[in-house]
Amino acid sequence: MAYIPDQAKIMLDPIDYSIKAARGRKKMTDLKIRIEGDSVEELKKRNETLLRSVAELQNYIKIISRDFENQKKTAGMEILKSIFPLLDSMDSGIASSKETTMLQNLRKILISSLTPFGFNEIETVGKNLDLKYHEVVGTVDGESEDRIAHEIQKGYTLNGEVIRTAKVIVEKRGEKVE
């Protein structure tokens, strides 16, 4: 008799195939396992050891997966940090000169080319102070409390992780200007 694959058997006679499959499952449940020479206590110990090993392996897999995700999230951070002096020089040039169109365009191109990789500038002026993203280097008298008045140095994030805090001056009510 020729070999007929399971898929073909199902298509030829689905009811007969279902009945045979059910009988096969019943036979499997009727099987009794006999283990000679091992006591129930030894089997329990082996089972506990096996379960402990499986749990340790699962924990190891979780740790490795978390580490891999963290590495993937911060990949290229050192390269991006090496670009900071260039960005700072561009910012200084933009702040000190009247004709800055070229520098502004170059800076925009650089930032926009890095943005798809998770690199972003931290927003500052007009925002409320958040010590995770901002480092206070001074205060000025103002109408609102802890609102950022000036940005001294830009800050950046990579995939949501701060790689350099923004240095800012914040408003304080009743503060004397130093």
Protein backbone atom coordinates (compact mmCIF):
# COMPACT_ATOMS: atom_id res chain seq x y z
CA MET A 1 0.00 0.00 0.00
CA ALA A 2 1.30 3.46 -0.91
CA TYR A 3 2.19 6.04 1.71
CA ILE A 4 -0.45 8.78 2.04
CA PRO A 5 0.51 11.92 3.96
CA ASP A 6 -1.65 13.03 6.89
CA GLN A 7 -2.94 16.08 5.02
CA ALA A 8 -4.20 13.86 2.18
CA LYS A 9 -5.86 11.44 4.67
CA ILE A 10 -7.72 14.34 6.27
CA MET A 11 -8.95 15.53 2.88
CA LEU A 12 -9.97 12.03 1.68
CA ASP A 13 -12.00 11.05 4.73
CA PRO A 14 -12.05 13.65 7.51
CA ILE A 15 -14.48 11.72 9.73
CA ASP A 16 -12.49 8.46 9.58
CA TYR A 17 -9.25 10.37 10.26
CA SER A 18 -10.78 12.11 13.29
CA ILE A 19 -11.99 8.79 14.73
CA LYS A 20 -8.56 7.17 14.28
CA ALA A 21 -6.82 10.17 15.81
CA ALA A 22 -9.15 10.07 18.84
CA ARG A 23 -8.49 6.33 19.32
CA GLY A 24 -4.75 7.01 19.17
CA ARG A 25 -5.04 9.67 21.85
CA LYS A 26 -7.05 7.29 24.05
CA LYS A 27 -4.38 4.62 23.71
CA MET A 28 -1.76 7.14 24.77
CA THR A 29 -3.68 7.96 27.95
CA ASP A 30 -4.07 4.27 28.74
CA LEU A 31 -0.29 3.68 28.70
CA LYS A 32 1.24 3.02 32.09
CA ILE A 33 4.85 3.89 32.65
CA ARG A 34 6.93 1.43 34.56
CA ILE A 35 10.27 2.50 35.82
CA GLU A 36 12.25 -0.33 37.23
CA GLY A 37 14.81 0.18 39.96
CA ASP A 38 13.83 3.76 40.84
CA SER A 39 11.84 4.58 43.90
CA VAL A 40 9.21 7.29 43.96
CA GLU A 41 11.41 9.43 46.22
CA GLU A 42 14.32 9.29 43.76
CA LEU A 43 12.01 10.27 40.94
CA LYS A 44 10.67 13.21 42.98
CA LYS A 45 14.23 14.39 43.68
CA ARG A 46 15.14 14.17 39.99
CA ASN A 47 11.98 16.02 39.07
CA GLU A 48 12.73 18.83 41.57
CA THR A 49 16.30 19.11 40.27
CA LEU A 50 15.03 19.25 36.72
CA LEU A 51 12.43 21.89 37.57
CA ARG A 52 15.05 23.98 39.39
CA SER A 53 17.37 23.74 36.39
CA VAL A 54 14.59 24.79 34.04
CA ALA A 55 13.77 27.79 36.28
CA GLU A 56 17.44 28.82 36.38
CA LEU A 57 17.64 28.55 32.60
CA GLN A 58 14.51 30.69 32.19
CA ASN A 59 15.97 33.33 34.53
CA TYR A 60 19.25 33.28 32.61
CA ILE A 61 17.37 33.76 29.33
CA LYS A 62 15.47 36.74 30.81
CA ILE A 63 18.70 38.34 32.03
CA ILE A 64 20.46 37.84 28.69
CA SER A 65 17.44 39.20 26.80
CA ARG A 66 17.29 42.29 29.03
CA ASP A 67 21.05 42.87 28.60
CA PHE A 68 20.74 42.48 24.83
CA GLU A 69 17.88 45.01 24.72
CA ASN A 70 19.92 47.47 26.80
CA GLN A 71 22.94 47.07 24.53
CA LYS A 72 20.77 47.52 21.46
CA LYS A 73 19.22 50.63 23.03
CA THR A 74 22.57 52.29 23.75
CA ALA A 75 24.57 51.06 20.76
CA GLY A 76 26.60 53.86 19.25
CA MET A 77 26.41 56.07 22.34
CA GLU A 78 30.17 56.65 22.43
CA ILE A 79 30.21 57.66 18.79
CA LEU A 80 27.41 60.15 19.40
CA LYS A 81 29.21 61.56 22.44
CA SER A 82 32.20 62.27 20.21
CA ILE A 83 29.97 64.51 18.07
CA PHE A 84 29.10 66.80 21.02
CA PRO A 85 32.09 69.13 20.52
CA LEU A 86 31.07 69.62 16.88
CA LEU A 87 27.48 70.40 17.87
CA ASP A 88 28.65 72.74 20.63
CA SER A 89 30.94 74.59 18.19
CA MET A 90 28.06 74.96 15.74
CA ASP A 91 25.83 76.31 18.54
CA SER A 92 28.54 78.82 19.55
CA GLY A 93 28.96 79.92 15.96
CA ILE A 94 25.20 80.35 15.54
CA ALA A 95 24.95 82.37 18.78
CA SER A 96 27.90 84.66 18.03
CA SER A 97 27.35 85.51 14.38
CA LYS A 98 24.68 87.32 12.42
CA GLU A 99 24.99 85.28 9.23
CA THR A 100 24.31 81.79 10.51
CA THR A 101 22.10 80.30 7.82
CA MET A 102 24.76 77.87 6.64
CA LEU A 103 25.64 76.69 10.16
CA GLN A 104 21.97 76.32 11.08
CA ASN A 105 21.33 74.25 7.97
CA LEU A 106 24.35 72.02 8.63
CA ARG A 107 23.25 71.51 12.23
CA LYS A 108 19.69 70.64 11.17
CA ILE A 109 21.00 68.14 8.62
CA LEU A 110 23.27 66.50 11.21
CA ILE A 111 20.51 66.23 13.84
CA SER A 112 17.91 65.00 11.33
CA SER A 113 20.31 62.32 10.04
CA LEU A 114 20.82 61.03 13.61
CA THR A 115 17.15 61.19 14.68
CA PRO A 116 16.11 57.90 12.98
CA PHE A 117 18.66 56.14 15.21
CA GLY A 118 16.98 57.46 18.38
CA PHE A 119 19.13 60.58 18.89
CA ASN A 120 17.11 63.60 20.06
CA GLU A 121 17.65 67.02 21.59
CA ILE A 122 16.19 67.72 25.02
CA GLU A 123 13.65 70.53 24.96
CA THR A 124 14.42 73.31 27.41
CA VAL A 125 13.35 76.97 27.15
CA GLY A 126 9.82 77.47 28.41
CA LYS A 127 9.56 73.94 29.81
CA ASN A 128 9.33 72.99 33.46
CA LEU A 129 12.51 71.79 35.14
CA ASP A 130 13.02 68.02 35.11
CA LEU A 131 16.23 66.99 36.85
CA LYS A 132 16.41 63.82 34.78
CA TYR A 133 16.95 65.94 31.66
CA HIS A 134 18.16 69.31 32.97
CA GLU A 135 21.08 70.46 35.09
CA VAL A 136 20.57 73.83 36.81
CA VAL A 137 23.59 76.13 36.52
CA GLY A 138 21.87 79.34 37.61
CA THR A 139 18.64 81.07 38.56
CA VAL A 140 16.90 84.32 37.59
CA ASP A 141 13.95 86.21 39.03
CA GLY A 142 10.80 85.20 37.24
CA GLU A 143 7.05 84.87 37.35
CA SER A 144 6.93 81.09 37.56
CA GLU A 145 8.75 78.58 39.71
CA ASP A 146 11.22 76.15 38.08
CA ARG A 147 10.48 77.18 34.50
CA ILE A 148 13.52 77.16 32.24
CA ALA A 149 14.47 80.69 31.18
CA HIS A 150 17.73 80.10 29.26
CA GLU A 151 19.66 77.20 27.82
CA ILE A 152 23.42 77.27 28.34
CA GLN A 153 24.27 73.92 26.73
CA LYS A 154 22.03 71.54 24.81
CA GLY A 155 21.26 68.09 26.16
CA TYR A 156 20.63 64.92 24.20
CA THR A 157 18.93 61.53 24.53
CA LEU A 158 19.48 58.24 22.75
CA ASN A 159 16.39 56.02 22.58
CA GLY A 160 14.94 57.86 25.55
CA GLU A 161 18.08 57.49 27.68
CA VAL A 162 19.83 60.73 28.65
CA ILE A 163 23.38 60.82 27.31
CA ARG A 164 23.97 64.46 28.29
CA THR A 165 21.79 66.67 30.45
CA ALA A 166 20.94 70.16 29.25
CA LYS A 167 22.57 72.93 31.28
CA VAL A 168 19.92 75.54 32.02
CA ILE A 169 19.03 78.66 33.99
CA VAL A 170 15.66 78.49 35.73
CA GLU A 171 13.22 81.08 37.01
CA LYS A 172 12.60 81.42 40.75
CA ARG A 173 10.03 83.73 42.30
CA GLY A 174 11.66 86.45 44.34
CA GLU A 175 15.25 85.45 43.42
CA LYS A 176 17.78 88.17 43.13
CA VAL A 177 19.67 88.23 39.85
CA GLU A 178 23.31 87.43 40.56
